[in-house]
Structures are given as structure tokens and as C-alpha cells.
Amino acid sequence: MEARTGDRNAYGELAGRCYSDVIRVVYRACGDTALAQDAVQEAFIRAWVKLPEFQARAPFSHWVCRIAVNVALDTLREKPQESIEDNPTMTHLAGKNLDPETAYVAREQADRVQNAIKSLPEAARTVLVFREYGQMSYDEIAATLEIPVGTVMSRLNYARSKLRELLLEECMETEREYA
């Protein structure tokens, strides 16, 4: 890996290849676009500084992802009183040519899911985000977080169950409001 020897161009190419994956995962972990962008920038700087220490037990993108998620979560812990911005319109996920009502419903659903994810405990949220949005295998998550695979599986099971419970609860509350 040429980047390890201090080649900035090689590092730039390496960072460029995984930037979109890292930003997607970090955004899902924190729910704030600006915070995700700042955390990813900070993570790539930290990764550059610590690159000689990088051990390729997991892909570089997973290592940077872990750094960025930690930066974002640390920032959220330091500033819990700040409200997290609304999600940007998620219509690009469902298709760009949506009618206004469908786009609104898609955004509402995306907001509900994002808020439910943000309310999960940090350990469960991180594993869920790495698995569902980072498309990491159990082994990759375990290597990235330096925890046993069994712990990954139990945290993921808990996160999915809790997420299901939170979303079902919200649906029932919405139903009661309109009844």
C-alpha cells in the first residue's frame, strides 16, 4: 500500500474510493448531515496520521468508518442539547420522479426510521448501522469493533428487536391520533 509510505496521492485515491460508503454509514449512525461530513473529514485526517499503525485485519474503509462513527458519537455525547437536523429529502432512495404525496410519505418514513435508529443504545446502533448500511459481515464488524462475533450477533438481534418495537409503537400512536 503506497499510502502507508506517505504517498498523499495514493492516500487520496484510497480515501476517495471509500468516502461515499463511510459518509453513508456515519450519517445513519448520527442522523446529521453536517456532523457526518465533519466526522468523516476528521476520521480521514486521523487515519492519515495513524496509517503506519493500520493493520489490515479488516478493509481500510471499515477502519475509517469506525473512526468516523466514534468521532460523530463523541460529538453527540458532548452536545446532547443540540437538536439534530431534519433528514434531507430521501426521495432519491425511492426514485427521483415521485409525486409530492409519495415523496412526503417516503420522507416521513425515512425520518421515523432515522429517529428510531438514533434512539437505540450506542453499541446496538453501531452494529446495526455497520450491518445494514455498511453491508459489513459479522466477522468484519467484529474485527472493526474488536469484539467477538457472538457479541455482534446479540447486539444486532437486540437492535433489530428494539427498532421493530419502537417503530410499531410509533405506528400505534399515529393510528390513535387519527382515530
N, C-alpha and C. Protein backbone atom coordinates (compact mmCIF):
# COMPACT_ATOMS: atom_id res chain seq x y z
N MET A 1 0.85 -1.16 0.00
CA MET A 1 0.00 0.00 0.00
C MET A 1 0.90 1.24 0.00
N GLU A 2 0.90 1.94 -1.11
CA GLU A 2 1.77 3.11 -1.27
C GLU A 2 1.44 4.23 -0.29
N ALA A 3 0.17 4.32 0.10
CA ALA A 3 -0.25 5.36 1.03
C ALA A 3 0.47 5.23 2.36
N ARG A 4 0.78 4.03 2.77
CA ARG A 4 1.48 3.81 4.04
C ARG A 4 2.87 4.41 4.05
N THR A 5 3.46 4.57 2.88
CA THR A 5 4.80 5.13 2.81
C THR A 5 4.78 6.65 2.70
N GLY A 6 3.59 7.24 2.83
CA GLY A 6 3.47 8.70 2.81
C GLY A 6 3.06 9.29 1.48
N ASP A 7 2.67 8.48 0.52
CA ASP A 7 2.23 8.97 -0.78
C ASP A 7 0.83 9.56 -0.65
N ARG A 8 0.75 10.89 -0.66
CA ARG A 8 -0.53 11.59 -0.48
C ARG A 8 -1.51 11.30 -1.61
N ASN A 9 -1.01 11.18 -2.83
CA ASN A 9 -1.90 10.88 -3.94
C ASN A 9 -2.54 9.51 -3.78
N ALA A 10 -1.75 8.54 -3.37
CA ALA A 10 -2.28 7.19 -3.15
C ALA A 10 -3.31 7.21 -2.03
N TYR A 11 -3.03 7.97 -0.98
CA TYR A 11 -3.99 8.08 0.12
C TYR A 11 -5.27 8.76 -0.36
N GLY A 12 -5.13 9.80 -1.16
CA GLY A 12 -6.30 10.50 -1.70
C GLY A 12 -7.18 9.57 -2.52
N GLU A 13 -6.55 8.73 -3.33
CA GLU A 13 -7.31 7.76 -4.13
C GLU A 13 -8.00 6.74 -3.22
N LEU A 14 -7.29 6.28 -2.22
CA LEU A 14 -7.85 5.32 -1.27
C LEU A 14 -9.05 5.93 -0.54
N ALA A 15 -8.89 7.14 -0.07
CA ALA A 15 -9.97 7.84 0.63
C ALA A 15 -11.15 8.09 -0.32
N GLY A 16 -10.85 8.48 -1.53
CA GLY A 16 -11.91 8.75 -2.50
C GLY A 16 -12.75 7.52 -2.82
N ARG A 17 -12.11 6.36 -2.85
CA ARG A 17 -12.83 5.12 -3.17
C ARG A 17 -13.84 4.75 -2.08
N CYS A 18 -13.55 5.08 -0.84
CA CYS A 18 -14.46 4.64 0.23
C CYS A 18 -15.25 5.78 0.87
N TYR A 19 -15.06 7.01 0.42
CA TYR A 19 -15.72 8.16 1.04
C TYR A 19 -17.23 8.01 1.10
N SER A 20 -17.87 7.68 -0.02
CA SER A 20 -19.34 7.63 -0.04
C SER A 20 -19.88 6.54 0.89
N ASP A 21 -19.19 5.41 0.97
CA ASP A 21 -19.63 4.35 1.89
C ASP A 21 -19.50 4.80 3.34
N VAL A 22 -18.40 5.46 3.65
CA VAL A 22 -18.16 5.91 5.02
C VAL A 22 -19.17 6.99 5.41
N ILE A 23 -19.41 7.95 4.55
CA ILE A 23 -20.35 9.03 4.88
C ILE A 23 -21.76 8.49 5.07
N ARG A 24 -22.15 7.50 4.27
CA ARG A 24 -23.49 6.91 4.39
C ARG A 24 -23.65 6.24 5.76
N VAL A 25 -22.66 5.48 6.16
CA VAL A 25 -22.73 4.77 7.44
C VAL A 25 -22.73 5.76 8.61
N VAL A 26 -21.87 6.76 8.54
CA VAL A 26 -21.78 7.73 9.64
C VAL A 26 -23.06 8.54 9.73
N TYR A 27 -23.64 8.92 8.60
CA TYR A 27 -24.90 9.66 8.63
C TYR A 27 -25.97 8.83 9.31
N ARG A 28 -26.03 7.55 9.00
CA ARG A 28 -27.04 6.69 9.62
C ARG A 28 -26.80 6.53 11.11
N ALA A 29 -25.56 6.60 11.54
CA ALA A 29 -25.25 6.47 12.96
C ALA A 29 -25.62 7.72 13.74
N CYS A 30 -25.49 8.90 13.12
CA CYS A 30 -25.72 10.14 13.87
C CYS A 30 -26.94 10.93 13.41
N GLY A 31 -27.38 10.76 12.16
CA GLY A 31 -28.58 11.43 11.68
C GLY A 31 -28.42 12.90 11.34
N ASP A 32 -27.22 13.38 11.25
CA ASP A 32 -26.97 14.80 10.98
C ASP A 32 -25.96 14.91 9.85
N THR A 33 -26.37 15.51 8.75
CA THR A 33 -25.51 15.59 7.57
C THR A 33 -24.22 16.34 7.86
N ALA A 34 -24.32 17.51 8.47
CA ALA A 34 -23.13 18.32 8.74
C ALA A 34 -22.19 17.60 9.70
N LEU A 35 -22.75 17.00 10.73
CA LEU A 35 -21.93 16.26 11.69
C LEU A 35 -21.25 15.08 11.01
N ALA A 36 -21.97 14.37 10.16
CA ALA A 36 -21.39 13.23 9.44
C ALA A 36 -20.23 13.69 8.57
N GLN A 37 -20.41 14.79 7.85
CA GLN A 37 -19.34 15.29 6.98
C GLN A 37 -18.12 15.69 7.80
N ASP A 38 -18.34 16.39 8.90
CA ASP A 38 -17.22 16.79 9.77
C ASP A 38 -16.51 15.58 10.35
N ALA A 39 -17.30 14.59 10.80
CA ALA A 39 -16.72 13.39 11.40
C ALA A 39 -15.90 12.61 10.38
N VAL A 40 -16.38 12.53 9.16
CA VAL A 40 -15.65 11.80 8.12
C VAL A 40 -14.36 12.52 7.78
N GLN A 41 -14.41 13.84 7.67
CA GLN A 41 -13.18 14.61 7.40
C GLN A 41 -12.16 14.37 8.51
N GLU A 42 -12.62 14.47 9.76
CA GLU A 42 -11.74 14.26 10.91
C GLU A 42 -11.19 12.83 10.89
N ALA A 43 -12.04 11.87 10.54
CA ALA A 43 -11.60 10.47 10.50
C ALA A 43 -10.51 10.25 9.46
N PHE A 44 -10.66 10.85 8.29
CA PHE A 44 -9.63 10.67 7.26
C PHE A 44 -8.32 11.33 7.67
N ILE A 45 -8.40 12.43 8.39
CA ILE A 45 -7.18 13.08 8.89
C ILE A 45 -6.51 12.18 9.93
N ARG A 46 -7.32 11.67 10.87
CA ARG A 46 -6.76 10.78 11.90
C ARG A 46 -6.19 9.51 11.27
N ALA A 47 -6.89 8.99 10.27
CA ALA A 47 -6.41 7.77 9.61
C ALA A 47 -5.08 8.03 8.91
N TRP A 48 -4.93 9.19 8.29
CA TRP A 48 -3.67 9.54 7.62
C TRP A 48 -2.53 9.55 8.62
N VAL A 49 -2.78 10.18 9.78
CA VAL A 49 -1.76 10.28 10.82
C VAL A 49 -1.41 8.89 11.37
N LYS A 50 -2.41 8.05 11.54
CA LYS A 50 -2.21 6.72 12.14
C LYS A 50 -2.01 5.62 11.10
N LEU A 51 -1.91 5.97 9.83
CA LEU A 51 -1.82 4.97 8.77
C LEU A 51 -0.68 3.97 8.97
N PRO A 52 0.49 4.39 9.44
CA PRO A 52 1.54 3.39 9.66
C PRO A 52 1.15 2.31 10.68
N GLU A 53 0.20 2.62 11.56
CA GLU A 53 -0.24 1.66 12.57
C GLU A 53 -1.37 0.77 12.07
N PHE A 54 -1.94 1.08 10.92
CA PHE A 54 -3.07 0.31 10.38
C PHE A 54 -2.67 -1.12 10.11
N GLN A 55 -3.42 -2.04 10.69
CA GLN A 55 -3.20 -3.47 10.44
C GLN A 55 -4.39 -3.96 9.63
N ALA A 56 -4.12 -4.51 8.50
CA ALA A 56 -5.17 -4.86 7.54
C ALA A 56 -5.95 -6.11 7.93
N ARG A 57 -6.45 -6.15 9.17
CA ARG A 57 -7.32 -7.26 9.57
C ARG A 57 -8.70 -7.09 8.95
N ALA A 58 -9.06 -5.86 8.67
CA ALA A 58 -10.33 -5.52 8.02
C ALA A 58 -10.00 -4.50 6.94
N PRO A 59 -10.90 -4.29 5.99
CA PRO A 59 -10.63 -3.30 4.95
C PRO A 59 -10.41 -1.90 5.53
N PHE A 60 -9.66 -1.11 4.82
CA PHE A 60 -9.36 0.27 5.21
C PHE A 60 -10.65 1.05 5.46
N SER A 61 -11.64 0.87 4.59
CA SER A 61 -12.90 1.61 4.72
C SER A 61 -13.58 1.31 6.05
N HIS A 62 -13.49 0.10 6.54
CA HIS A 62 -14.11 -0.24 7.82
C HIS A 62 -13.38 0.43 8.97
N TRP A 63 -12.06 0.50 8.85
CA TRP A 63 -11.26 1.17 9.88
C TRP A 63 -11.62 2.65 9.94
N VAL A 64 -11.68 3.30 8.80
CA VAL A 64 -12.03 4.72 8.76
C VAL A 64 -13.47 4.92 9.24
N CYS A 65 -14.32 4.01 8.87
CA CYS A 65 -15.72 4.07 9.28
C CYS A 65 -15.83 4.04 10.81
N ARG A 66 -15.09 3.17 11.41
CA ARG A 66 -15.11 3.08 12.87
C ARG A 66 -14.62 4.38 13.50
N ILE A 67 -13.56 4.92 12.97
CA ILE A 67 -13.03 6.19 13.48
C ILE A 67 -14.09 7.28 13.34
N ALA A 68 -14.71 7.37 12.17
CA ALA A 68 -15.69 8.42 11.89
C ALA A 68 -16.93 8.28 12.77
N VAL A 69 -17.42 7.06 12.94
CA VAL A 69 -18.59 6.85 13.81
C VAL A 69 -18.24 7.26 15.24
N ASN A 70 -17.05 6.90 15.69
CA ASN A 70 -16.64 7.29 17.04
C ASN A 70 -16.55 8.80 17.19
N VAL A 71 -16.03 9.48 16.19
CA VAL A 71 -15.95 10.95 16.23
C VAL A 71 -17.35 11.54 16.32
N ALA A 72 -18.26 11.05 15.47
CA ALA A 72 -19.63 11.56 15.46
C ALA A 72 -20.33 11.30 16.80
N LEU A 73 -20.19 10.10 17.32
CA LEU A 73 -20.85 9.78 18.59
C LEU A 73 -20.25 10.56 19.76
N ASP A 74 -18.94 10.77 19.72
CA ASP A 74 -18.31 11.60 20.76
C ASP A 74 -18.87 13.01 20.71
N THR A 75 -19.04 13.55 19.52
CA THR A 75 -19.58 14.90 19.36
C THR A 75 -21.01 14.96 19.88
N LEU A 76 -21.81 13.95 19.57
CA LEU A 76 -23.18 13.91 20.06
C LEU A 76 -23.22 13.84 21.59
N ARG A 77 -22.31 13.08 22.18
CA ARG A 77 -22.26 12.98 23.64
C ARG A 77 -21.90 14.31 24.28
N GLU A 78 -21.02 15.06 23.63
CA GLU A 78 -20.58 16.35 24.17
C GLU A 78 -21.66 17.42 24.04
N LYS A 79 -22.54 17.30 23.04
CA LYS A 79 -23.55 18.32 22.79
C LYS A 79 -24.94 17.71 22.71
N PRO A 80 -25.41 17.07 23.79
CA PRO A 80 -26.72 16.42 23.71
C PRO A 80 -27.88 17.40 23.61
N GLN A 81 -27.66 18.66 24.01
CA GLN A 81 -28.74 19.64 23.97
C GLN A 81 -29.03 20.15 22.56
N GLU A 82 -28.12 19.96 21.63
CA GLU A 82 -28.36 20.42 20.28
C GLU A 82 -29.31 19.49 19.56
N SER A 83 -30.27 20.06 18.86
CA SER A 83 -31.18 19.21 18.10
C SER A 83 -30.50 18.78 16.82
N ILE A 84 -30.79 17.57 16.42
CA ILE A 84 -30.22 17.05 15.18
C ILE A 84 -31.12 17.47 14.04
N GLU A 85 -30.52 17.95 12.96
CA GLU A 85 -31.28 18.48 11.84
C GLU A 85 -32.23 17.46 11.25
N ASP A 86 -33.22 17.96 10.53
CA ASP A 86 -34.13 17.07 9.81
C ASP A 86 -33.35 16.37 8.73
N ASN A 87 -33.80 15.18 8.40
CA ASN A 87 -33.15 14.44 7.30
C ASN A 87 -33.33 15.21 6.01
N PRO A 88 -32.35 15.17 5.12
CA PRO A 88 -32.59 15.71 3.80
C PRO A 88 -33.60 14.81 3.10
N THR A 89 -34.28 15.32 2.12
CA THR A 89 -35.29 14.53 1.43
C THR A 89 -34.70 13.23 0.94
N MET A 90 -35.40 12.15 1.23
CA MET A 90 -34.89 10.82 0.92
C MET A 90 -35.47 10.29 -0.38
N THR A 91 -36.06 11.16 -1.19
CA THR A 91 -36.72 10.67 -2.40
C THR A 91 -35.76 9.99 -3.35
N HIS A 92 -34.47 10.33 -3.31
CA HIS A 92 -33.52 9.69 -4.21
C HIS A 92 -33.41 8.20 -3.94
N LEU A 93 -33.79 7.76 -2.72
CA LEU A 93 -33.74 6.34 -2.41
C LEU A 93 -34.88 5.58 -3.08
N ALA A 94 -36.03 6.24 -3.21
CA ALA A 94 -37.19 5.57 -3.78
C ALA A 94 -37.35 5.86 -5.26
N GLY A 95 -36.69 6.86 -5.76
CA GLY A 95 -36.80 7.24 -7.16
C GLY A 95 -36.97 8.74 -7.25
N LYS A 96 -36.46 9.33 -8.28
CA LYS A 96 -36.45 10.78 -8.38
C LYS A 96 -37.76 11.37 -8.88
N ASN A 97 -38.57 10.61 -9.58
CA ASN A 97 -39.78 11.14 -10.19
C ASN A 97 -41.02 10.79 -9.36
N LEU A 98 -41.02 11.16 -8.11
CA LEU A 98 -42.14 10.87 -7.24
C LEU A 98 -43.11 12.03 -7.23
N ASP A 99 -44.39 11.69 -7.10
CA ASP A 99 -45.37 12.76 -6.93
C ASP A 99 -45.20 13.31 -5.52
N PRO A 100 -45.68 14.53 -5.26
CA PRO A 100 -45.44 15.16 -3.95
C PRO A 100 -45.93 14.33 -2.76
N GLU A 101 -47.08 13.69 -2.88
CA GLU A 101 -47.60 12.91 -1.76
C GLU A 101 -46.70 11.71 -1.45
N THR A 102 -46.28 11.01 -2.49
CA THR A 102 -45.40 9.85 -2.31
C THR A 102 -44.06 10.29 -1.74
N ALA A 103 -43.54 11.41 -2.21
CA ALA A 103 -42.27 11.92 -1.70
C ALA A 103 -42.40 12.29 -0.22
N TYR A 104 -43.53 12.89 0.14
CA TYR A 104 -43.75 13.26 1.54
C TYR A 104 -43.82 12.02 2.43
N VAL A 105 -44.56 11.01 1.99
CA VAL A 105 -44.69 9.78 2.76
C VAL A 105 -43.32 9.10 2.90
N ALA A 106 -42.55 9.06 1.82
CA ALA A 106 -41.22 8.45 1.85
C ALA A 106 -40.33 9.18 2.85
N ARG A 107 -40.40 10.50 2.85
CA ARG A 107 -39.58 11.27 3.78
C ARG A 107 -40.02 11.04 5.22
N GLU A 108 -41.33 11.00 5.45
CA GLU A 108 -41.84 10.75 6.79
C GLU A 108 -41.38 9.39 7.31
N GLN A 109 -41.44 8.38 6.45
CA GLN A 109 -40.99 7.05 6.84
C GLN A 109 -39.50 7.04 7.14
N ALA A 110 -38.73 7.70 6.28
CA ALA A 110 -37.28 7.76 6.50
C ALA A 110 -36.96 8.48 7.80
N ASP A 111 -37.69 9.54 8.10
CA ASP A 111 -37.49 10.27 9.35
C ASP A 111 -37.80 9.39 10.56
N ARG A 112 -38.88 8.64 10.47
CA ARG A 112 -39.25 7.75 11.59
C ARG A 112 -38.17 6.70 11.83
N VAL A 113 -37.70 6.10 10.77
CA VAL A 113 -36.66 5.08 10.91
C VAL A 113 -35.38 5.70 11.48
N GLN A 114 -34.99 6.87 10.95
CA GLN A 114 -33.77 7.52 11.43
C GLN A 114 -33.89 7.88 12.91
N ASN A 115 -35.02 8.40 13.32
CA ASN A 115 -35.21 8.76 14.73
C ASN A 115 -35.19 7.52 15.62
N ALA A 116 -35.77 6.43 15.15
CA ALA A 116 -35.74 5.19 15.92
C ALA A 116 -34.31 4.67 16.04
N ILE A 117 -33.55 4.74 14.96
CA ILE A 117 -32.14 4.30 14.99
C ILE A 117 -31.35 5.16 15.98
N LYS A 118 -31.57 6.47 15.96
CA LYS A 118 -30.85 7.37 16.86
C LYS A 118 -31.18 7.09 18.33
N SER A 119 -32.36 6.54 18.59
CA SER A 119 -32.74 6.30 19.98
C SER A 119 -32.20 4.98 20.54
N LEU A 120 -31.61 4.15 19.68
CA LEU A 120 -31.01 2.90 20.14
C LEU A 120 -29.77 3.19 20.98
N PRO A 121 -29.45 2.29 21.91
CA PRO A 121 -28.18 2.45 22.63
C PRO A 121 -27.01 2.42 21.63
N GLU A 122 -25.97 3.15 21.95
CA GLU A 122 -24.84 3.34 21.04
C GLU A 122 -24.26 2.03 20.51
N ALA A 123 -24.04 1.06 21.37
CA ALA A 123 -23.42 -0.21 20.94
C ALA A 123 -24.31 -0.93 19.94
N ALA A 124 -25.60 -0.98 20.21
CA ALA A 124 -26.53 -1.65 19.31
C ALA A 124 -26.67 -0.87 18.00
N ARG A 125 -26.75 0.44 18.10
CA ARG A 125 -26.89 1.30 16.91
C ARG A 125 -25.69 1.12 15.98
N THR A 126 -24.50 1.11 16.55
CA THR A 126 -23.29 1.00 15.73
C THR A 126 -23.27 -0.32 14.96
N VAL A 127 -23.57 -1.42 15.64
CA VAL A 127 -23.59 -2.72 14.97
C VAL A 127 -24.66 -2.75 13.89
N LEU A 128 -25.84 -2.23 14.18
CA LEU A 128 -26.93 -2.20 13.19
C LEU A 128 -26.55 -1.39 11.96
N VAL A 129 -25.98 -0.23 12.19
CA VAL A 129 -25.60 0.64 11.07
C VAL A 129 -24.50 -0.01 10.23
N PHE A 130 -23.51 -0.60 10.87
CA PHE A 130 -22.44 -1.27 10.12
C PHE A 130 -23.01 -2.41 9.27
N ARG A 131 -23.95 -3.16 9.83
CA ARG A 131 -24.51 -4.31 9.11
C ARG A 131 -25.47 -3.88 7.99
N GLU A 132 -26.42 -3.02 8.32
CA GLU A 132 -27.48 -2.68 7.37
C GLU A 132 -27.08 -1.61 6.36
N TYR A 133 -26.28 -0.65 6.77
CA TYR A 133 -25.92 0.45 5.87
C TYR A 133 -24.48 0.34 5.37
N GLY A 134 -23.64 -0.33 6.14
CA GLY A 134 -22.26 -0.53 5.73
C GLY A 134 -22.05 -1.85 5.03
N GLN A 135 -23.08 -2.68 4.99
CA GLN A 135 -23.03 -4.01 4.38
C GLN A 135 -21.82 -4.83 4.84
N MET A 136 -21.49 -4.71 6.12
CA MET A 136 -20.38 -5.48 6.66
C MET A 136 -20.89 -6.84 7.14
N SER A 137 -20.05 -7.85 7.02
CA SER A 137 -20.38 -9.18 7.55
C SER A 137 -20.19 -9.15 9.06
N TYR A 138 -20.68 -10.19 9.73
CA TYR A 138 -20.49 -10.28 11.18
C TYR A 138 -19.01 -10.27 11.53
N ASP A 139 -18.23 -11.02 10.76
CA ASP A 139 -16.78 -11.08 11.02
C ASP A 139 -16.13 -9.71 10.83
N GLU A 140 -16.55 -8.98 9.80
CA GLU A 140 -15.98 -7.65 9.56
C GLU A 140 -16.35 -6.68 10.67
N ILE A 141 -17.59 -6.76 11.15
CA ILE A 141 -18.00 -5.89 12.25
C ILE A 141 -17.20 -6.24 13.50
N ALA A 142 -17.06 -7.53 13.76
CA ALA A 142 -16.30 -7.96 14.93
C ALA A 142 -14.86 -7.46 14.86
N ALA A 143 -14.25 -7.58 13.70
CA ALA A 143 -12.87 -7.11 13.54
C ALA A 143 -12.78 -5.59 13.68
N THR A 144 -13.74 -4.89 13.10
CA THR A 144 -13.73 -3.42 13.14
C THR A 144 -13.91 -2.90 14.56
N LEU A 145 -14.84 -3.50 15.30
CA LEU A 145 -15.13 -3.05 16.66
C LEU A 145 -14.29 -3.76 17.72
N GLU A 146 -13.52 -4.78 17.28
CA GLU A 146 -12.70 -5.57 18.18
C GLU A 146 -13.53 -6.20 19.30
N ILE A 147 -14.61 -6.87 18.87
CA ILE A 147 -15.48 -7.60 19.79
C ILE A 147 -15.74 -8.99 19.20
N PRO A 148 -16.15 -9.95 20.01
CA PRO A 148 -16.44 -11.29 19.48
C PRO A 148 -17.64 -11.29 18.53
N VAL A 149 -17.66 -12.22 17.60
CA VAL A 149 -18.76 -12.35 16.64
C VAL A 149 -20.08 -12.58 17.38
N GLY A 150 -20.05 -13.36 18.45
CA GLY A 150 -21.26 -13.60 19.23
C GLY A 150 -21.85 -12.32 19.80
N THR A 151 -20.99 -11.40 20.20
CA THR A 151 -21.44 -10.10 20.70
C THR A 151 -22.08 -9.30 19.58
N VAL A 152 -21.49 -9.36 18.40
CA VAL A 152 -22.07 -8.68 17.24
C VAL A 152 -23.47 -9.23 16.99
N MET A 153 -23.60 -10.53 16.99
CA MET A 153 -24.89 -11.16 16.72
C MET A 153 -25.93 -10.78 17.77
N SER A 154 -25.55 -10.78 19.04
CA SER A 154 -26.53 -10.45 20.08
C SER A 154 -26.91 -8.96 20.04
N ARG A 155 -25.94 -8.09 19.77
CA ARG A 155 -26.25 -6.66 19.67
C ARG A 155 -27.13 -6.38 18.46
N LEU A 156 -26.87 -7.07 17.38
CA LEU A 156 -27.67 -6.89 16.17
C LEU A 156 -29.10 -7.39 16.40
N ASN A 157 -29.23 -8.53 17.05
CA ASN A 157 -30.56 -9.06 17.37
C ASN A 157 -31.32 -8.09 18.27
N TYR A 158 -30.65 -7.57 19.29
CA TYR A 158 -31.27 -6.60 20.18
C TYR A 158 -31.68 -5.35 19.41
N ALA A 159 -30.78 -4.83 18.57
CA ALA A 159 -31.07 -3.60 17.82
C ALA A 159 -32.27 -3.78 16.91
N ARG A 160 -32.34 -4.88 16.21
CA ARG A 160 -33.46 -5.13 15.30
C ARG A 160 -34.77 -5.26 16.07
N SER A 161 -34.73 -5.98 17.19
CA SER A 161 -35.94 -6.15 18.00
C SER A 161 -36.40 -4.81 18.56
N LYS A 162 -35.47 -4.05 19.08
CA LYS A 162 -35.80 -2.74 19.66
C LYS A 162 -36.31 -1.79 18.58
N LEU A 163 -35.69 -1.81 17.42
CA LEU A 163 -36.12 -0.96 16.31
C LEU A 163 -37.55 -1.32 15.90
N ARG A 164 -37.81 -2.61 15.77
CA ARG A 164 -39.16 -3.08 15.43
C ARG A 164 -40.16 -2.59 16.47
N GLU A 165 -39.80 -2.73 17.74
CA GLU A 165 -40.67 -2.30 18.84
C GLU A 165 -40.94 -0.80 18.79
N LEU A 166 -39.90 -0.01 18.58
CA LEU A 166 -40.05 1.45 18.53
C LEU A 166 -40.92 1.89 17.36
N LEU A 167 -40.71 1.27 16.20
CA LEU A 167 -41.49 1.65 15.02
C LEU A 167 -42.95 1.21 15.16
N LEU A 168 -43.17 0.05 15.73
CA LEU A 168 -44.54 -0.43 15.94
C LEU A 168 -45.26 0.48 16.93
N GLU A 169 -44.56 0.87 17.99
CA GLU A 169 -45.13 1.77 18.99
C GLU A 169 -45.51 3.11 18.35
N GLU A 170 -44.63 3.62 17.51
CA GLU A 170 -44.93 4.90 16.85
C GLU A 170 -46.11 4.78 15.89
N CYS A 171 -46.19 3.67 15.20
CA CYS A 171 -47.33 3.44 14.28
C CYS A 171 -48.64 3.40 15.07
N MET A 172 -48.61 2.75 16.22
CA MET A 172 -49.82 2.66 17.03
C MET A 172 -50.20 4.03 17.56
N GLU A 173 -49.23 4.85 17.94
CA GLU A 173 -49.52 6.21 18.42
C GLU A 173 -50.12 7.04 17.29
N THR A 174 -49.58 6.91 16.10
CA THR A 174 -50.09 7.65 14.95
C THR A 174 -51.52 7.22 14.64
N GLU A 175 -51.77 5.93 14.73
CA GLU A 175 -53.11 5.40 14.50
C GLU A 175 -54.11 5.98 15.50
N ARG A 176 -53.71 6.05 16.77
CA ARG A 176 -54.59 6.60 17.80
C ARG A 176 -54.89 8.08 17.55
N GLU A 177 -53.89 8.81 17.04
CA GLU A 177 -54.08 10.23 16.75
C GLU A 177 -55.13 10.45 15.67
N TYR A 178 -55.15 9.57 14.68
CA TYR A 178 -56.07 9.74 13.55
C TYR A 178 -57.38 8.99 13.73
N ALA A 179 -57.52 8.28 14.84
CA ALA A 179 -58.76 7.51 15.06
C ALA A 179 -59.87 8.38 15.63
